[in-house]
Amino acid sequence: MSQTLGLPLEYAAGLPKVELEGFTLARVECHRGVLQYCTEYVELGSKGARIRINGSGLGLKSLSPELAVICGRIKGVEYIFEEDGA
């Protein structure tokens, strides 16, 4: 079905899409809400893993069920996968 609509397979499967713009903006599509939030990191839930945006002076520029936009000095993105059987 995703091919007929011209969508990437990841999008059709509900997997997250992370886009970085320079060093100051991150967009995360298909997230499942904010799990943890402070000025040093923002952690979002997603299908299959948690996504942690690390940096300094971080803040949520916007948040909707479809898209989270994080701004500040972004130092990295980390995927935290759950261990099997945990």
N, C-alpha and C. Protein backbone atom coordinates (compact mmCIF):
# COMPACT_ATOMS: atom_id res chain seq x y z
N MET A 1 0.81 -1.19 0.00
CA MET A 1 0.00 0.00 0.00
C MET A 1 0.86 1.26 0.00
N SER A 2 2.00 1.23 0.75
CA SER A 2 2.84 2.42 0.81
C SER A 2 3.42 2.77 -0.56
N GLN A 3 3.66 1.76 -1.39
CA GLN A 3 4.18 2.03 -2.73
C GLN A 3 3.14 2.73 -3.60
N THR A 4 1.87 2.34 -3.44
CA THR A 4 0.83 2.98 -4.23
C THR A 4 0.65 4.43 -3.84
N LEU A 5 0.83 4.74 -2.57
CA LEU A 5 0.70 6.12 -2.11
C LEU A 5 2.00 6.91 -2.27
N GLY A 6 3.07 6.23 -2.63
CA GLY A 6 4.36 6.90 -2.79
C GLY A 6 5.04 7.22 -1.47
N LEU A 7 4.70 6.47 -0.42
CA LEU A 7 5.30 6.69 0.91
C LEU A 7 6.47 5.74 1.13
N PRO A 8 7.49 6.19 1.87
CA PRO A 8 8.57 5.27 2.24
C PRO A 8 8.03 4.14 3.12
N LEU A 9 8.63 2.95 3.03
CA LEU A 9 8.18 1.81 3.83
C LEU A 9 8.24 2.10 5.32
N GLU A 10 9.27 2.84 5.78
CA GLU A 10 9.41 3.15 7.19
C GLU A 10 8.22 3.95 7.70
N TYR A 11 7.74 4.89 6.90
CA TYR A 11 6.60 5.70 7.30
C TYR A 11 5.35 4.85 7.43
N ALA A 12 5.13 3.97 6.48
CA ALA A 12 3.96 3.09 6.51
C ALA A 12 4.02 2.15 7.71
N ALA A 13 5.23 1.78 8.15
CA ALA A 13 5.39 0.88 9.29
C ALA A 13 5.30 1.62 10.63
N GLY A 14 5.19 2.94 10.60
CA GLY A 14 5.09 3.72 11.83
C GLY A 14 6.43 3.96 12.51
N LEU A 15 7.53 3.77 11.78
CA LEU A 15 8.85 4.00 12.36
C LEU A 15 9.15 5.50 12.37
N PRO A 16 9.96 5.95 13.34
CA PRO A 16 10.22 7.38 13.45
C PRO A 16 11.12 7.90 12.33
N LYS A 17 10.99 9.18 12.06
CA LYS A 17 11.88 9.87 11.12
C LYS A 17 12.49 11.03 11.88
N VAL A 18 13.83 11.07 11.92
CA VAL A 18 14.54 12.13 12.63
C VAL A 18 15.30 12.97 11.60
N GLU A 19 15.08 14.27 11.63
CA GLU A 19 15.78 15.20 10.74
C GLU A 19 16.50 16.23 11.59
N LEU A 20 17.77 16.47 11.28
CA LEU A 20 18.54 17.51 11.94
C LEU A 20 18.75 18.66 10.98
N GLU A 21 18.60 19.86 11.48
CA GLU A 21 18.86 21.05 10.68
C GLU A 21 19.98 21.83 11.36
N GLY A 22 21.15 21.74 10.78
CA GLY A 22 22.31 22.38 11.40
C GLY A 22 22.59 21.76 12.76
N PHE A 23 22.97 22.62 13.71
CA PHE A 23 23.26 22.15 15.07
C PHE A 23 22.19 22.60 16.06
N THR A 24 21.09 23.18 15.56
CA THR A 24 20.15 23.83 16.48
C THR A 24 18.71 23.36 16.38
N LEU A 25 18.39 22.43 15.50
CA LEU A 25 17.00 22.03 15.35
C LEU A 25 16.89 20.56 14.99
N ALA A 26 15.99 19.85 15.67
CA ALA A 26 15.71 18.44 15.35
C ALA A 26 14.20 18.27 15.21
N ARG A 27 13.80 17.57 14.17
CA ARG A 27 12.38 17.24 13.95
C ARG A 27 12.23 15.73 14.05
N VAL A 28 11.25 15.28 14.82
CA VAL A 28 11.01 13.85 14.97
C VAL A 28 9.55 13.58 14.62
N GLU A 29 9.34 12.84 13.53
CA GLU A 29 8.00 12.42 13.11
C GLU A 29 7.73 11.02 13.65
N CYS A 30 6.46 10.69 13.80
CA CYS A 30 6.02 9.36 14.26
C CYS A 30 6.55 9.02 15.66
N HIS A 31 6.60 10.02 16.53
CA HIS A 31 7.01 9.75 17.92
C HIS A 31 5.79 9.31 18.71
N ARG A 32 6.03 8.83 19.90
CA ARG A 32 4.94 8.38 20.77
C ARG A 32 4.95 9.13 22.10
N GLY A 33 5.32 10.38 22.05
CA GLY A 33 5.24 11.22 23.23
C GLY A 33 6.59 11.46 23.90
N VAL A 34 6.61 12.48 24.75
CA VAL A 34 7.81 12.84 25.49
C VAL A 34 7.90 11.96 26.73
N LEU A 35 9.04 11.28 26.90
CA LEU A 35 9.25 10.42 28.07
C LEU A 35 10.03 11.16 29.16
N GLN A 36 11.05 11.91 28.76
CA GLN A 36 11.85 12.70 29.68
C GLN A 36 12.26 13.98 28.98
N TYR A 37 12.40 15.05 29.79
CA TYR A 37 12.70 16.34 29.19
C TYR A 37 13.46 17.21 30.18
N CYS A 38 14.61 17.73 29.76
CA CYS A 38 15.35 18.73 30.52
C CYS A 38 16.19 19.51 29.52
N THR A 39 16.98 20.46 29.98
CA THR A 39 17.75 21.28 29.03
C THR A 39 18.93 20.52 28.43
N GLU A 40 19.27 19.35 28.99
CA GLU A 40 20.41 18.56 28.49
C GLU A 40 19.99 17.44 27.53
N TYR A 41 18.75 16.99 27.61
CA TYR A 41 18.27 15.98 26.67
C TYR A 41 16.75 15.95 26.63
N VAL A 42 16.23 15.47 25.51
CA VAL A 42 14.80 15.23 25.33
C VAL A 42 14.68 13.80 24.85
N GLU A 43 13.88 13.01 25.57
CA GLU A 43 13.71 11.60 25.20
C GLU A 43 12.27 11.38 24.76
N LEU A 44 12.12 10.80 23.57
CA LEU A 44 10.82 10.54 22.98
C LEU A 44 10.61 9.04 22.81
N GLY A 45 9.39 8.60 22.96
CA GLY A 45 9.06 7.21 22.67
C GLY A 45 8.83 7.05 21.17
N SER A 46 9.07 5.86 20.68
CA SER A 46 8.79 5.55 19.29
C SER A 46 8.63 4.04 19.15
N LYS A 47 8.21 3.61 18.00
CA LYS A 47 8.06 2.19 17.75
C LYS A 47 9.45 1.55 17.67
N GLY A 48 9.75 0.64 18.58
CA GLY A 48 11.01 -0.10 18.53
C GLY A 48 12.15 0.46 19.35
N ALA A 49 12.12 1.74 19.71
CA ALA A 49 13.23 2.33 20.46
C ALA A 49 12.81 3.67 21.06
N ARG A 50 13.57 4.10 22.04
CA ARG A 50 13.44 5.47 22.54
C ARG A 50 14.45 6.32 21.80
N ILE A 51 14.12 7.56 21.55
CA ILE A 51 15.01 8.48 20.84
C ILE A 51 15.41 9.56 21.82
N ARG A 52 16.73 9.72 22.02
CA ARG A 52 17.22 10.76 22.93
C ARG A 52 18.02 11.78 22.12
N ILE A 53 17.58 13.02 22.18
CA ILE A 53 18.29 14.14 21.57
C ILE A 53 19.13 14.75 22.69
N ASN A 54 20.45 14.72 22.56
CA ASN A 54 21.36 15.26 23.57
C ASN A 54 21.86 16.63 23.15
N GLY A 55 22.10 17.50 24.13
CA GLY A 55 22.63 18.82 23.82
C GLY A 55 22.65 19.72 25.04
N SER A 56 22.53 21.01 24.80
CA SER A 56 22.45 21.98 25.89
C SER A 56 21.46 23.07 25.52
N GLY A 57 20.80 23.59 26.52
CA GLY A 57 19.79 24.62 26.28
C GLY A 57 18.64 24.14 25.43
N LEU A 58 18.30 22.85 25.53
CA LEU A 58 17.25 22.27 24.68
C LEU A 58 15.86 22.68 25.16
N GLY A 59 14.96 22.82 24.22
CA GLY A 59 13.57 23.12 24.51
C GLY A 59 12.69 22.56 23.42
N LEU A 60 11.41 22.42 23.74
CA LEU A 60 10.43 21.96 22.75
C LEU A 60 9.87 23.18 22.04
N LYS A 61 10.21 23.31 20.78
CA LYS A 61 9.68 24.44 19.99
C LYS A 61 8.21 24.20 19.66
N SER A 62 7.89 22.95 19.32
CA SER A 62 6.49 22.57 19.09
C SER A 62 6.34 21.08 19.32
N LEU A 63 5.12 20.69 19.68
CA LEU A 63 4.83 19.29 19.96
C LEU A 63 3.40 19.00 19.54
N SER A 64 3.25 18.01 18.68
CA SER A 64 1.93 17.54 18.28
C SER A 64 2.00 16.02 18.20
N PRO A 65 0.88 15.34 18.04
CA PRO A 65 0.93 13.88 17.92
C PRO A 65 1.76 13.40 16.73
N GLU A 66 1.89 14.23 15.70
CA GLU A 66 2.63 13.83 14.50
C GLU A 66 4.09 14.24 14.52
N LEU A 67 4.43 15.35 15.22
CA LEU A 67 5.75 15.96 15.08
C LEU A 67 6.21 16.60 16.38
N ALA A 68 7.47 16.35 16.74
CA ALA A 68 8.12 17.05 17.85
C ALA A 68 9.29 17.83 17.26
N VAL A 69 9.40 19.11 17.62
CA VAL A 69 10.50 19.95 17.15
C VAL A 69 11.28 20.41 18.37
N ILE A 70 12.56 20.04 18.42
CA ILE A 70 13.43 20.36 19.54
C ILE A 70 14.45 21.38 19.06
N CYS A 71 14.65 22.44 19.86
CA CYS A 71 15.63 23.45 19.49
C CYS A 71 16.64 23.62 20.63
N GLY A 72 17.78 24.19 20.32
CA GLY A 72 18.88 24.38 21.25
C GLY A 72 20.16 23.91 20.59
N ARG A 73 21.20 23.74 21.36
CA ARG A 73 22.49 23.25 20.82
C ARG A 73 22.46 21.73 20.82
N ILE A 74 22.29 21.12 19.66
CA ILE A 74 22.16 19.67 19.54
C ILE A 74 23.55 19.05 19.36
N LYS A 75 23.87 18.10 20.25
CA LYS A 75 25.17 17.44 20.21
C LYS A 75 25.10 16.03 19.65
N GLY A 76 23.91 15.42 19.66
CA GLY A 76 23.80 14.07 19.13
C GLY A 76 22.40 13.49 19.29
N VAL A 77 22.19 12.41 18.57
CA VAL A 77 20.93 11.66 18.65
C VAL A 77 21.29 10.23 19.00
N GLU A 78 20.56 9.68 19.95
CA GLU A 78 20.84 8.33 20.43
C GLU A 78 19.55 7.50 20.34
N TYR A 79 19.67 6.29 19.85
CA TYR A 79 18.54 5.35 19.84
C TYR A 79 18.78 4.36 20.96
N ILE A 80 17.80 4.20 21.83
CA ILE A 80 17.93 3.28 22.96
C ILE A 80 16.95 2.14 22.72
N PHE A 81 17.51 0.99 22.39
CA PHE A 81 16.69 -0.19 22.08
C PHE A 81 16.46 -1.01 23.34
N GLU A 82 15.27 -1.52 23.49
CA GLU A 82 14.94 -2.39 24.62
C GLU A 82 15.61 -3.74 24.42
N GLU A 83 16.13 -4.28 25.49
CA GLU A 83 16.77 -5.61 25.43
C GLU A 83 15.68 -6.67 25.30
N ASP A 84 15.96 -7.74 24.57
CA ASP A 84 15.02 -8.86 24.44
C ASP A 84 14.79 -9.49 25.79
N GLY A 85 13.52 -9.73 26.09
CA GLY A 85 13.18 -10.39 27.35
C GLY A 85 13.18 -9.48 28.57
N ALA A 86 13.39 -8.19 28.38
CA ALA A 86 13.41 -7.27 29.52
C ALA A 86 12.03 -6.84 29.91
